[in-house]
Amino acid sequence: MQFISQTTGYWFLLIFSLSMILITYLFSRVRKWKNKDSFLVAGRKVKWWLGGPSIAASWIWAGALFVSVQMAYQKGLAGIFWFTFPNVLALALFAFWAPQIRKKFVNGYTLPQFIKHKLGCDKVHKIYLIPFFFIQLIAIIFNVFAGGTMISLLTGIPMVQVVPVLAIVALLYTLISGVEASIITDFIQMTLIIGGIAIIVPWAFHAAGGASVVSAGLGGLSGGFRNIFHPGVAFSLGIVSSIGLISSTIADQQYWQRTFAMKDGHIAKSFLFGAVLFALVPIVLSLLGFIGASPSSGVVLPAGVDPSMIGVVTVSSLLPSWATALFVLILLAGLSSTVDSAISATSSLWATDVVKSGDDKTVIRKSRYAMIGVTLIGLACVYIIMSITGMGLNHLWLLSISVAASISVPTVLSVYWDRLSAKGVFWGVLIAMIVGMPVFFYANLVDNTIWVVMASLFMIAISTAFCVLMPKKDVVVLRS
């Protein structure tokens, strides 16, 4: 299966790569950012109209671009509802939590740093860093793997050649000016995503035969998922994605980095604006999944192709090759926005929570070392995953949201409950990770829905129980 020649594919990758690097370089030259605050938190001057698209673009990773369409294709209206609703809710809730932590920790850089400040415990700080670093690594793996799969499918370029290009390009332009590079490219990429799907999806809708064809696919491949509250989907996808996605924003330094980068008074508006922008993407792209599921569309997923590629297959089957190239550009923009955000977030965690000291030049230099390190580790993991038979994007998506449940409740309690103790947080998070995460990983790999749900609920329950049952005896008022 090949819709674009390899030569065109190589030129496409080259032009996309040079464009992102050039845009970032020129922007950094104009602004001349050189200190620690500019590199790690954009000088704390990001306004809502720039922050909102950046948040949306960072949240629009391979899950929104590929898994959302797969859910519509396989599980119809129920699938896309239980994918989209928790995603949007996660960003909306963050709009309430994030300003509270910013008020309590005005000059902060990371959430683990705030937790250490709040609880005064090195052990809790260190255990928090495990999921925070893991989530950035899996974001790089997930999105590079998705991009490599897509480009290889469409052009025939071996995936082993594609994945380093996607990772290294994001690394190169993020190295230039840190989170500022991420935010400005996010804005450009989000504009491209919204504009592109506004052209491609209506065109595919018309080419497929219009509303009647889409209507025939609203129940997914089996036709049995038209009810958005379908009990089977609500129990499995609904519970897991709700817990995982809401927890993921809390445990993802990408969004805390943007929280500390916002101007005062712009945080809530940024996240609410980002939630609206994000919602447009999976909702509109789901039409491609419904078209693919419709028997009368003529779209057929080739044997051996991961179901997450159904959107790409649908566009390629219905529209000319240049339209497919435009669609690929949209998807690459979304994937790159998350990869660069994850690289930047890792540098923030490393410089703030591991290195902890040094002048501006030292902090920036060590931040860049962290960027290079996490990118290379991510690439190595992608190559390992490529060798695992049966590993698909849906599995990676579930893995990406798994670990976050272990720290979500303690983090929320740290904002609102002064009796939260370091001891309760430590033991609750530790047991949640040691017991819950392995079960979640295994259940995910063998597609055992019940155990996936139980593992998610266990991590929430056990971390909550230890926090509540082991409170502080003496309450100390936290000072900023």
Protein backbone atom coordinates (compact mmCIF):
# COMPACT_ATOMS: atom_id res chain seq x y z
CA MET A 1 0.00 0.00 0.00
CA GLN A 2 1.63 3.28 -1.13
CA PHE A 3 -0.11 6.55 -2.01
CA ILE A 4 2.89 8.89 -2.26
CA SER A 5 6.23 8.12 -3.93
CA GLN A 6 9.28 7.69 -1.73
CA THR A 7 10.96 10.64 -3.43
CA THR A 8 7.98 12.88 -2.65
CA GLY A 9 7.99 11.56 0.90
CA TYR A 10 11.64 12.46 1.42
CA TRP A 11 11.07 15.97 0.03
CA PHE A 12 8.02 16.33 2.24
CA LEU A 13 9.97 15.43 5.37
CA LEU A 14 12.81 17.77 4.39
CA ILE A 15 10.54 20.77 3.76
CA PHE A 16 8.55 20.22 6.96
CA SER A 17 11.75 19.85 8.99
CA LEU A 18 13.46 22.96 7.60
CA SER A 19 10.29 25.03 8.01
CA MET A 20 9.92 24.24 11.72
CA ILE A 21 13.61 24.88 12.42
CA LEU A 22 13.68 28.13 10.43
CA ILE A 23 10.53 29.52 12.06
CA THR A 24 11.89 28.84 15.53
CA TYR A 25 15.32 30.26 14.70
CA LEU A 26 13.92 33.50 13.29
CA PHE A 27 11.53 33.94 16.20
CA SER A 28 14.30 33.39 18.73
CA ARG A 29 16.55 35.89 16.94
CA VAL A 30 13.88 38.57 17.11
CA ARG A 31 13.14 38.05 20.82
CA LYS A 32 16.74 37.24 21.89
CA TRP A 33 15.81 35.08 24.88
CA LYS A 34 18.88 34.00 26.85
CA ASN A 35 18.10 33.44 30.53
CA LYS A 36 16.74 30.53 32.60
CA ASP A 37 13.22 31.93 32.96
CA SER A 38 12.86 32.53 29.24
CA PHE A 39 14.11 29.02 28.37
CA LEU A 40 12.04 27.15 30.98
CA VAL A 41 8.91 29.31 31.48
CA ALA A 42 8.92 31.84 28.59
CA GLY A 43 9.54 34.72 31.00
CA ARG A 44 6.10 34.07 32.58
CA LYS A 45 4.57 36.40 29.99
CA VAL A 46 2.47 34.09 27.75
CA LYS A 47 -1.02 35.46 27.06
CA TRP A 48 -4.18 33.37 26.76
CA TRP A 49 -4.54 33.73 22.97
CA LEU A 50 -1.09 32.17 22.54
CA GLY A 51 -1.30 29.83 25.52
CA GLY A 52 -4.65 28.32 24.49
CA PRO A 53 -3.49 27.07 21.07
CA SER A 54 -0.26 25.82 22.65
CA ILE A 55 -2.18 23.82 25.25
CA ALA A 56 -4.52 22.42 22.59
CA ALA A 57 -1.66 21.51 20.25
CA SER A 58 0.24 19.78 23.05
CA TRP A 59 -2.89 17.81 24.01
CA ILE A 60 -3.51 16.90 20.36
CA TRP A 61 -1.06 14.06 20.22
CA ALA A 62 -1.35 10.71 18.45
CA GLY A 63 -4.37 9.82 20.58
CA ALA A 64 -6.47 12.69 19.25
CA LEU A 65 -5.24 12.30 15.68
CA PHE A 66 -5.32 8.51 15.30
CA VAL A 67 -6.94 6.75 18.25
CA SER A 68 -9.98 9.06 18.13
CA VAL A 69 -10.65 8.07 14.52
CA GLN A 70 -10.04 4.43 15.42
CA MET A 71 -12.61 4.66 18.23
CA ALA A 72 -15.18 6.13 15.83
CA TYR A 73 -14.36 3.41 13.29
CA GLN A 74 -14.54 0.49 15.71
CA LYS A 75 -16.94 1.71 18.41
CA GLY A 76 -19.03 4.35 16.65
CA LEU A 77 -20.62 7.26 18.49
CA ALA A 78 -20.01 5.60 21.84
CA GLY A 79 -16.29 5.32 21.12
CA ILE A 80 -15.75 8.91 20.02
CA PHE A 81 -17.87 10.28 22.87
CA TRP A 82 -15.93 8.42 25.56
CA PHE A 83 -12.67 9.46 23.93
CA THR A 84 -13.50 13.15 23.49
CA PHE A 85 -15.49 13.95 26.62
CA PRO A 86 -12.77 13.00 29.17
CA ASN A 87 -10.12 14.78 27.08
CA VAL A 88 -12.05 18.04 27.10
CA LEU A 89 -13.05 17.64 30.76
CA ALA A 90 -9.40 17.12 31.71
CA LEU A 91 -8.36 20.49 30.29
CA ALA A 92 -11.44 22.24 31.70
CA LEU A 93 -10.76 20.94 35.22
CA PHE A 94 -7.13 21.93 34.92
CA ALA A 95 -8.34 25.49 34.39
CA PHE A 96 -9.54 25.44 38.01
CA TRP A 97 -6.60 23.59 39.61
CA ALA A 98 -3.67 25.25 37.85
CA PRO A 99 -4.35 28.86 38.98
CA GLN A 100 -4.54 27.69 42.60
CA ILE A 101 -1.06 26.17 42.48
CA ARG A 102 0.33 29.19 40.63
CA LYS A 103 -0.99 31.43 43.43
CA LYS A 104 0.63 29.24 46.08
CA PHE A 105 3.90 28.90 44.17
CA VAL A 106 4.27 32.06 42.10
CA ASN A 107 7.86 31.55 40.95
CA GLY A 108 7.72 27.79 40.46
CA TYR A 109 8.79 25.73 37.47
CA THR A 110 7.44 22.21 37.96
CA LEU A 111 4.70 20.39 39.86
CA PRO A 112 7.13 18.03 41.69
CA GLN A 113 8.96 21.15 42.87
CA PHE A 114 5.68 22.46 44.33
CA ILE A 115 4.99 19.12 46.03
CA LYS A 116 8.41 19.22 47.67
CA HIS A 117 7.72 22.80 48.78
CA LYS A 118 4.29 21.82 50.10
CA LEU A 119 5.25 18.63 51.95
CA GLY A 120 8.94 19.25 52.63
CA CYS A 121 9.89 15.67 51.82
CA ASP A 122 12.65 14.49 49.47
CA LYS A 123 11.21 10.96 49.26
CA VAL A 124 7.86 12.20 47.98
CA HIS A 125 9.60 14.55 45.56
CA LYS A 126 11.65 11.69 44.11
CA ILE A 127 8.71 9.32 43.77
CA TYR A 128 6.73 12.05 41.99
CA LEU A 129 9.50 12.38 39.42
CA ILE A 130 8.99 8.78 38.24
CA PRO A 131 5.58 9.31 36.58
CA PHE A 132 6.50 12.83 35.48
CA PHE A 133 9.56 11.65 33.54
CA PHE A 134 7.75 8.52 32.32
CA ILE A 135 4.89 10.50 30.80
CA GLN A 136 7.30 12.69 28.79
CA LEU A 137 9.18 9.66 27.54
CA ILE A 138 6.03 7.80 26.49
CA ALA A 139 4.75 10.95 24.75
CA ILE A 140 7.88 11.00 22.58
CA ILE A 141 7.64 7.27 21.90
CA PHE A 142 3.91 7.35 21.15
CA ASN A 143 4.00 10.26 18.72
CA VAL A 144 7.21 9.33 16.92
CA PHE A 145 5.90 5.77 16.51
CA ALA A 146 2.60 7.09 15.13
CA GLY A 147 4.31 9.46 12.72
CA GLY A 148 6.70 6.78 11.52
CA THR A 149 3.85 4.33 10.97
CA MET A 150 1.89 6.89 8.95
CA ILE A 151 4.76 8.05 6.73
CA SER A 152 5.92 4.52 6.09
CA LEU A 153 2.37 3.41 5.21
CA LEU A 154 1.84 6.21 2.71
CA THR A 155 5.28 6.45 1.09
CA GLY A 156 6.89 3.07 1.50
CA ILE A 157 9.89 4.71 3.23
CA PRO A 158 11.13 2.22 5.83
CA MET A 159 9.93 3.15 9.29
CA VAL A 160 13.45 2.69 10.63
CA GLN A 161 14.47 5.73 8.54
CA VAL A 162 11.47 7.90 9.33
CA VAL A 163 11.39 7.82 13.13
CA PRO A 164 14.80 9.42 13.75
CA VAL A 165 13.90 12.29 11.41
CA LEU A 166 10.68 13.05 13.30
CA ALA A 167 12.36 12.93 16.70
CA ILE A 168 15.52 14.82 15.80
CA VAL A 169 13.70 17.64 14.00
CA ALA A 170 11.55 18.33 17.06
CA LEU A 171 14.69 18.16 19.19
CA LEU A 172 16.61 20.62 16.99
CA TYR A 173 14.07 23.41 17.04
CA THR A 174 13.33 22.92 20.76
CA LEU A 175 17.05 23.18 21.53
CA ILE A 176 17.02 26.71 20.12
CA SER A 177 14.85 28.40 22.74
CA GLY A 178 13.19 25.79 24.95
CA VAL A 179 9.53 26.16 25.85
CA GLU A 180 9.32 29.37 23.82
CA ALA A 181 10.13 27.35 20.70
CA SER A 182 7.47 24.86 21.70
CA ILE A 183 4.80 27.52 22.29
CA ILE A 184 5.39 29.47 19.07
CA THR A 185 5.50 26.34 16.91
CA ASP A 186 2.41 25.07 18.74
CA PHE A 187 0.54 28.20 17.65
CA ILE A 188 1.59 27.72 14.03
CA GLN A 189 0.88 23.99 14.12
CA MET A 190 -2.55 24.49 15.69
CA THR A 191 -3.47 27.02 13.01
CA LEU A 192 -2.38 24.50 10.38
CA ILE A 193 -4.35 21.67 12.01
CA ILE A 194 -7.63 23.60 12.27
CA GLY A 195 -7.31 25.06 8.76
CA GLY A 196 -6.32 21.74 7.24
CA ILE A 197 -9.11 19.62 8.69
CA ALA A 198 -11.60 22.33 7.71
CA ILE A 199 -10.61 21.57 4.10
CA ILE A 200 -9.88 17.84 4.12
CA VAL A 201 -12.73 16.41 6.20
CA PRO A 202 -15.65 18.18 4.44
CA TRP A 203 -14.08 17.23 1.11
CA ALA A 204 -13.84 13.56 2.15
CA PHE A 205 -17.40 13.75 3.50
CA HIS A 206 -18.65 14.93 0.09
CA ALA A 207 -16.50 12.45 -1.87
CA ALA A 208 -17.77 9.52 0.20
CA GLY A 209 -21.41 10.31 -0.55
CA GLY A 210 -22.47 12.70 2.20
CA ALA A 211 -24.65 12.33 5.27
CA SER A 212 -26.19 8.99 4.33
CA VAL A 213 -22.80 7.29 4.20
CA VAL A 214 -21.68 8.80 7.50
CA SER A 215 -24.99 7.85 9.11
CA ALA A 216 -24.47 4.23 8.12
CA GLY A 217 -21.17 4.20 9.99
CA LEU A 218 -22.29 5.85 13.25
CA GLY A 219 -22.55 2.46 14.92
CA GLY A 220 -18.94 1.55 14.10
CA LEU A 221 -17.86 -1.54 12.20
CA SER A 222 -20.37 -3.80 13.91
CA GLY A 223 -23.15 -1.22 13.76
CA GLY A 224 -23.97 -1.72 17.45
CA PHE A 225 -22.49 1.40 19.02
CA ARG A 226 -24.85 4.25 18.16
CA ASN A 227 -25.81 4.82 21.80
CA ILE A 228 -23.14 7.07 23.34
CA PHE A 229 -23.88 5.49 26.73
CA HIS A 230 -23.38 1.93 25.47
CA PRO A 231 -22.65 0.08 28.75
CA GLY A 232 -19.74 -1.96 27.42
CA VAL A 233 -17.92 1.08 26.02
CA ALA A 234 -18.77 3.23 29.05
CA PHE A 235 -17.37 0.60 31.43
CA SER A 236 -14.14 -0.04 29.53
CA LEU A 237 -13.14 3.00 27.49
CA GLY A 238 -15.22 5.41 29.57
CA ILE A 239 -13.77 4.58 33.00
CA VAL A 240 -10.20 4.05 31.84
CA SER A 241 -10.00 7.15 29.66
CA SER A 242 -11.77 9.34 32.23
CA ILE A 243 -9.40 8.35 35.04
CA GLY A 244 -6.35 8.28 32.80
CA LEU A 245 -6.89 11.51 30.90
CA ILE A 246 -7.93 13.65 33.84
CA SER A 247 -4.99 12.25 35.79
CA SER A 248 -2.64 12.75 32.84
CA THR A 249 -3.01 16.52 32.79
CA ILE A 250 -2.24 16.58 36.50
CA ALA A 251 0.85 14.39 36.04
CA ASP A 252 2.11 15.99 32.86
CA GLN A 253 4.80 18.65 33.17
CA GLN A 254 3.88 19.99 29.73
CA TYR A 255 0.80 21.68 31.23
CA TRP A 256 2.49 22.75 34.46
CA GLN A 257 5.27 24.29 32.42
CA ARG A 258 2.66 26.31 30.55
CA THR A 259 0.91 27.15 33.83
CA PHE A 260 4.08 28.73 35.18
CA ALA A 261 4.72 30.42 31.81
CA MET A 262 1.35 32.24 31.70
CA LYS A 263 0.78 35.85 32.67
CA ASP A 264 -1.20 36.37 35.85
CA GLY A 265 -4.90 36.10 35.15
CA HIS A 266 -4.45 34.23 31.86
CA ILE A 267 -4.18 30.63 33.08
CA ALA A 268 -7.87 29.67 33.31
CA LYS A 269 -8.70 31.40 30.02
CA SER A 270 -5.83 29.61 28.31
CA PHE A 271 -6.95 26.15 29.40
CA LEU A 272 -10.62 26.75 28.61
CA PHE A 273 -9.71 28.14 25.18
CA GLY A 274 -7.41 25.17 24.67
CA ALA A 275 -10.21 22.75 25.62
CA VAL A 276 -12.52 24.24 22.97
CA LEU A 277 -9.84 24.16 20.28
CA PHE A 278 -8.93 20.59 21.16
CA ALA A 279 -12.54 19.37 21.03
CA LEU A 280 -12.85 20.45 17.41
CA VAL A 281 -10.14 18.06 16.28
CA PRO A 282 -11.35 14.59 17.38
CA ILE A 283 -14.99 15.52 16.76
CA VAL A 284 -14.33 16.56 13.15
CA LEU A 285 -11.82 13.77 12.48
CA SER A 286 -14.30 11.18 13.77
CA LEU A 287 -16.22 11.66 10.52
CA LEU A 288 -13.36 9.86 8.76
CA GLY A 289 -13.84 6.91 11.12
CA PHE A 290 -17.57 6.80 10.47
CA ILE A 291 -16.94 6.91 6.72
CA GLY A 292 -14.44 4.06 7.01
CA ALA A 293 -16.96 1.99 8.99
CA SER A 294 -19.76 2.60 6.49
CA PRO A 295 -20.27 -0.39 4.15
CA SER A 296 -21.17 1.89 1.24
CA SER A 297 -18.08 4.12 1.40
CA GLY A 298 -15.82 1.71 -0.43
CA VAL A 299 -13.04 2.30 2.10
CA VAL A 300 -11.25 -0.89 3.12
CA LEU A 301 -8.52 -1.14 5.73
CA PRO A 302 -5.72 -3.22 4.15
CA ALA A 303 -4.76 -6.45 5.87
CA GLY A 304 -2.03 -5.99 8.43
CA VAL A 305 -2.53 -2.22 8.77
CA ASP A 306 -3.15 -0.92 12.29
CA PRO A 307 -6.80 0.24 12.68
CA SER A 308 -5.54 3.60 13.99
CA MET A 309 -4.53 4.39 10.39
CA ILE A 310 -8.16 4.29 9.17
CA GLY A 311 -8.34 8.09 8.88
CA VAL A 312 -5.28 8.16 6.63
CA VAL A 313 -6.64 5.25 4.58
CA THR A 314 -10.01 6.99 4.19
CA VAL A 315 -8.48 10.24 2.94
CA SER A 316 -6.08 8.37 0.64
CA SER A 317 -8.92 6.29 -0.80
CA LEU A 318 -11.27 9.20 -1.52
CA LEU A 319 -9.07 12.21 -2.34
CA PRO A 320 -6.17 12.99 -4.71
CA SER A 321 -2.57 12.46 -3.62
CA TRP A 322 -1.91 16.16 -2.93
CA ALA A 323 -4.83 16.20 -0.50
CA THR A 324 -3.36 13.16 1.22
CA ALA A 325 -0.06 15.04 1.48
CA LEU A 326 -1.85 17.98 3.09
CA PHE A 327 -3.54 15.64 5.54
CA VAL A 328 -0.20 14.09 6.43
CA LEU A 329 1.18 17.59 7.04
CA ILE A 330 -1.70 18.26 9.45
CA LEU A 331 -1.02 15.05 11.32
CA LEU A 332 2.73 15.68 11.46
CA ALA A 333 2.07 19.14 12.89
CA GLY A 334 -0.02 17.63 15.67
CA LEU A 335 2.52 14.92 16.45
CA SER A 336 5.46 17.33 16.43
CA SER A 337 3.70 19.74 18.79
CA THR A 338 3.56 17.05 21.47
CA VAL A 339 7.06 15.72 20.86
CA ASP A 340 8.63 19.17 21.25
CA SER A 341 6.46 19.87 24.32
CA ALA A 342 7.60 16.61 25.92
CA ILE A 343 11.25 17.37 25.17
CA SER A 344 10.91 20.84 26.66
CA ALA A 345 9.04 19.55 29.73
CA THR A 346 11.77 16.99 30.36
CA SER A 347 14.41 19.73 30.32
CA SER A 348 12.37 21.69 32.87
CA LEU A 349 12.13 18.69 35.21
CA TRP A 350 15.83 17.92 34.85
CA ALA A 351 17.04 21.48 35.38
CA THR A 352 14.68 22.20 38.28
CA ASP A 353 14.28 18.92 40.13
CA VAL A 354 17.51 17.04 39.41
CA VAL A 355 20.28 19.58 38.75
CA LYS A 356 18.63 22.28 40.90
CA SER A 357 21.41 24.86 40.76
CA GLY A 358 23.67 26.89 38.50
CA ASP A 359 23.71 30.19 36.67
CA ASP A 360 21.55 30.82 33.61
CA LYS A 361 24.08 29.44 31.12
CA THR A 362 24.65 26.30 33.17
CA VAL A 363 20.93 25.63 33.59
CA ILE A 364 20.23 26.12 29.88
CA ARG A 365 23.19 23.92 28.90
CA LYS A 366 22.09 21.09 31.21
CA SER A 367 18.50 21.51 30.04
CA ARG A 368 19.69 20.91 26.50
CA TYR A 369 21.60 17.82 27.59
CA ALA A 370 18.36 16.49 29.06
CA MET A 371 16.55 17.20 25.77
CA ILE A 372 19.12 15.20 23.84
CA GLY A 373 19.08 12.37 26.37
CA VAL A 374 15.31 11.86 26.48
CA THR A 375 15.09 12.03 22.67
CA LEU A 376 17.72 9.31 22.23
CA ILE A 377 16.11 7.10 24.89
CA GLY A 378 12.73 7.62 23.22
CA LEU A 379 14.14 6.61 19.84
CA ALA A 380 15.69 3.47 21.31
CA CYS A 381 12.31 2.54 22.82
CA VAL A 382 10.55 3.11 19.49
CA TYR A 383 12.88 0.64 17.81
CA ILE A 384 12.20 -1.90 20.56
CA ILE A 385 8.43 -1.45 20.21
CA MET A 386 8.71 -1.87 16.44
CA SER A 387 9.96 -5.39 17.08
CA ILE A 388 7.01 -6.34 19.30
CA THR A 389 4.33 -8.10 17.27
CA GLY A 390 0.82 -6.80 17.85
CA MET A 391 1.81 -3.57 19.60
CA GLY A 392 -0.41 -0.79 18.21
CA LEU A 393 -1.17 2.85 18.89
CA ASN A 394 -4.16 1.98 21.04
CA HIS A 395 -1.86 0.04 23.40
CA LEU A 396 0.59 2.92 23.56
CA TRP A 397 -2.23 5.37 24.23
CA LEU A 398 -3.43 3.31 27.20
CA LEU A 399 0.12 3.00 28.50
CA SER A 400 0.54 6.77 28.21
CA ILE A 401 -2.35 7.41 30.59
CA SER A 402 -1.68 4.54 33.00
CA VAL A 403 0.82 5.86 35.52
CA ALA A 404 -0.88 9.22 36.10
CA ALA A 405 -3.68 7.78 38.24
CA SER A 406 -1.21 7.04 41.04
CA ILE A 407 -0.55 10.72 41.82
CA SER A 408 -3.69 12.55 40.68
CA VAL A 409 -5.63 12.57 43.96
CA PRO A 410 -2.63 13.49 46.17
CA THR A 411 -1.89 16.39 43.81
CA VAL A 412 -5.44 17.74 43.98
CA LEU A 413 -5.44 17.32 47.77
CA SER A 414 -2.19 19.29 47.96
CA VAL A 415 -4.11 22.31 46.70
CA TYR A 416 -7.16 22.11 48.92
CA TRP A 417 -6.25 20.10 52.06
CA ASP A 418 -3.71 21.40 54.58
CA ARG A 419 -3.67 18.11 56.50
CA LEU A 420 -2.13 16.20 53.61
CA SER A 421 0.95 14.41 54.94
CA ALA A 422 4.16 13.39 53.20
CA LYS A 423 3.89 9.92 54.74
CA GLY A 424 0.39 9.32 53.38
CA VAL A 425 1.34 10.55 49.90
CA PHE A 426 4.55 8.50 49.79
CA TRP A 427 3.00 5.17 50.72
CA GLY A 428 -0.16 5.70 48.69
CA VAL A 429 1.73 6.60 45.50
CA LEU A 430 4.38 3.90 46.02
CA ILE A 431 1.85 1.08 46.44
CA ALA A 432 -0.27 2.40 43.56
CA MET A 433 2.75 2.28 41.25
CA ILE A 434 4.24 -1.00 42.46
CA VAL A 435 0.94 -2.92 42.35
CA GLY A 436 -1.35 -1.02 40.00
CA MET A 437 1.01 -0.14 37.15
CA PRO A 438 2.29 -3.67 36.36
CA VAL A 439 -1.26 -5.01 36.37
CA PHE A 440 -2.39 -2.18 34.10
CA PHE A 441 0.50 -2.78 31.69
CA TYR A 442 -0.08 -6.51 31.49
CA ALA A 443 -3.86 -6.22 31.18
CA ASN A 444 -3.38 -3.65 28.42
CA LEU A 445 -1.03 -5.90 26.46
CA VAL A 446 -3.38 -8.90 26.65
CA ASP A 447 -6.50 -6.74 26.11
CA ASN A 448 -8.16 -7.73 29.40
CA THR A 449 -10.66 -4.90 29.81
CA ILE A 450 -11.80 -5.82 33.31
CA TRP A 451 -8.27 -5.87 34.71
CA VAL A 452 -7.41 -2.58 33.00
CA VAL A 453 -10.41 -0.94 34.69
CA MET A 454 -9.66 -2.56 38.05
CA ALA A 455 -6.02 -1.45 37.94
CA SER A 456 -7.06 2.15 37.23
CA LEU A 457 -9.58 2.16 40.07
CA PHE A 458 -7.07 0.53 42.42
CA MET A 459 -4.45 3.25 41.83
CA ILE A 460 -7.01 5.97 42.55
CA ALA A 461 -8.43 4.20 45.60
CA ILE A 462 -5.16 3.20 47.28
CA SER A 463 -3.46 6.58 46.85
CA THR A 464 -6.59 8.31 48.20
CA ALA A 465 -6.93 5.93 51.13
CA PHE A 466 -3.38 6.45 52.40
CA CYS A 467 -3.70 10.22 52.12
CA VAL A 468 -6.96 10.28 54.07
CA LEU A 469 -5.99 7.67 56.68
CA MET A 470 -2.54 9.15 57.37
CA PRO A 471 -3.16 12.93 57.70
CA LYS A 472 -0.94 15.50 59.36
CA LYS A 473 -1.49 15.89 63.07
CA ASP A 474 -0.28 19.46 63.17
CA VAL A 475 -1.29 21.78 60.33
CA VAL A 476 1.31 24.26 59.15
CA VAL A 477 0.16 27.13 56.96
CA LEU A 478 2.07 27.19 53.67
CA ARG A 479 3.68 30.46 52.77
CA SER A 480 4.52 31.48 49.25
